[in-house]
């Protein structure tokens, strides 16, 4: 079960670090989320990490096997083999 308070703190810390670094792209924010989770000893892929990611707009997509923004997540979840299409297009 995720620790909601810890997830919120990780998300806010990632947002602060990304803002301080002048991040302008989603990928930079996600890297700060990973960094914040590591600093808090929270495993990437854990329920708490997933919740922190969702606070910032990232969701884990099983078909893609990666974290994506909400638009990409909705599209991927409709397609069981989305990872193949995604790999070809990116």
Protein backbone atom coordinates (compact mmCIF):
# COMPACT_ATOMS: atom_id res chain seq x y z
CA UNK A 1 0.00 0.00 0.00
CA UNK A 2 1.45 3.40 -0.95
CA UNK A 3 2.41 5.96 1.63
CA UNK A 4 0.38 8.94 0.36
CA UNK A 5 2.25 11.51 2.44
CA UNK A 6 5.61 10.21 1.28
CA UNK A 7 4.40 10.14 -2.35
CA UNK A 8 3.29 13.76 -2.11
CA UNK A 9 6.61 14.82 -0.60
CA UNK A 10 8.54 12.98 -3.35
CA UNK A 11 6.39 14.60 -6.05
CA UNK A 12 6.82 18.07 -4.57
CA UNK A 13 10.56 17.58 -4.17
CA UNK A 14 10.82 16.46 -7.81
CA UNK A 15 8.83 19.49 -8.94
CA UNK A 16 11.04 21.83 -6.90
CA UNK A 17 14.24 20.26 -8.24
CA UNK A 18 12.97 20.39 -11.82
CA UNK A 19 11.96 24.04 -11.41
CA UNK A 20 15.31 24.93 -9.87
CA UNK A 21 17.10 23.21 -12.75
CA UNK A 22 14.99 25.06 -15.30
CA UNK A 23 13.41 21.86 -16.63
CA UNK A 24 11.23 22.46 -19.64
CA UNK A 25 10.38 18.91 -20.71
CA UNK A 26 8.47 16.01 -19.15
CA UNK A 27 11.50 13.75 -19.30
CA UNK A 28 13.49 16.15 -17.11
CA UNK A 29 10.68 16.18 -14.55
CA UNK A 30 10.57 12.39 -14.59
CA UNK A 31 14.33 12.22 -13.99
CA UNK A 32 13.88 14.47 -10.96
CA UNK A 33 11.08 12.18 -9.77
CA UNK A 34 13.47 9.23 -9.97
CA UNK A 35 16.14 11.23 -8.15
CA UNK A 36 13.70 12.28 -5.41
CA UNK A 37 12.54 8.69 -4.94
CA UNK A 38 16.13 7.48 -4.65
CA UNK A 39 16.89 10.16 -2.05
CA UNK A 40 13.85 8.99 -0.05
CA UNK A 41 14.81 5.30 -0.40
CA UNK A 42 11.64 4.59 -2.38
CA UNK A 43 11.98 1.96 -5.08
CA UNK A 44 11.16 2.97 -8.63
CA UNK A 45 8.10 0.95 -9.59
CA UNK A 46 6.80 0.70 -6.03
CA UNK A 47 3.25 1.76 -5.14
CA UNK A 48 4.57 4.93 -3.49
CA UNK A 49 6.62 5.81 -6.58
CA UNK A 50 3.60 5.14 -8.82
CA UNK A 51 1.47 7.44 -6.68
CA UNK A 52 4.12 10.20 -6.75
CA UNK A 53 4.28 9.82 -10.52
CA UNK A 54 0.52 10.10 -10.85
CA UNK A 55 0.57 13.30 -8.78
CA UNK A 56 2.90 14.74 -11.45
CA UNK A 57 0.87 13.29 -14.32
CA UNK A 58 2.88 10.14 -15.07
CA UNK A 59 1.23 6.74 -15.14
CA UNK A 60 2.73 3.33 -15.55
CA UNK A 61 1.60 1.65 -18.75
CA UNK A 62 1.77 -2.13 -18.65
CA UNK A 63 1.55 -2.54 -22.44
CA UNK A 64 4.47 -0.12 -22.90
CA UNK A 65 6.28 -1.18 -19.72
CA UNK A 66 7.19 2.41 -18.92
CA UNK A 67 5.85 5.58 -17.36
CA UNK A 68 4.08 7.95 -19.73
CA UNK A 69 1.98 11.10 -19.69
CA UNK A 70 -1.82 10.82 -19.52
CA UNK A 71 -2.47 11.13 -23.28
CA UNK A 72 0.00 8.39 -24.17
CA UNK A 73 -1.28 6.22 -21.32
CA UNK A 74 -4.88 6.26 -22.53
CA UNK A 75 -3.83 5.34 -26.05
CA UNK A 76 -1.47 2.59 -24.90
CA UNK A 77 -4.01 1.00 -22.58
CA UNK A 78 -6.38 0.52 -25.53
CA UNK A 79 -3.83 -1.62 -27.38
CA UNK A 80 -2.42 -4.84 -25.92
CA UNK A 81 0.69 -4.64 -28.13
CA UNK A 82 1.22 -0.90 -27.80
CA UNK A 83 4.90 -1.36 -26.93
CA UNK A 84 5.58 -2.53 -30.48
CA UNK A 85 3.90 0.47 -32.07
CA UNK A 86 5.51 2.86 -29.57
CA UNK A 87 9.00 1.45 -30.27
CA UNK A 88 8.54 1.95 -34.00
CA UNK A 89 7.36 5.56 -33.59
CA UNK A 90 9.96 6.73 -31.04
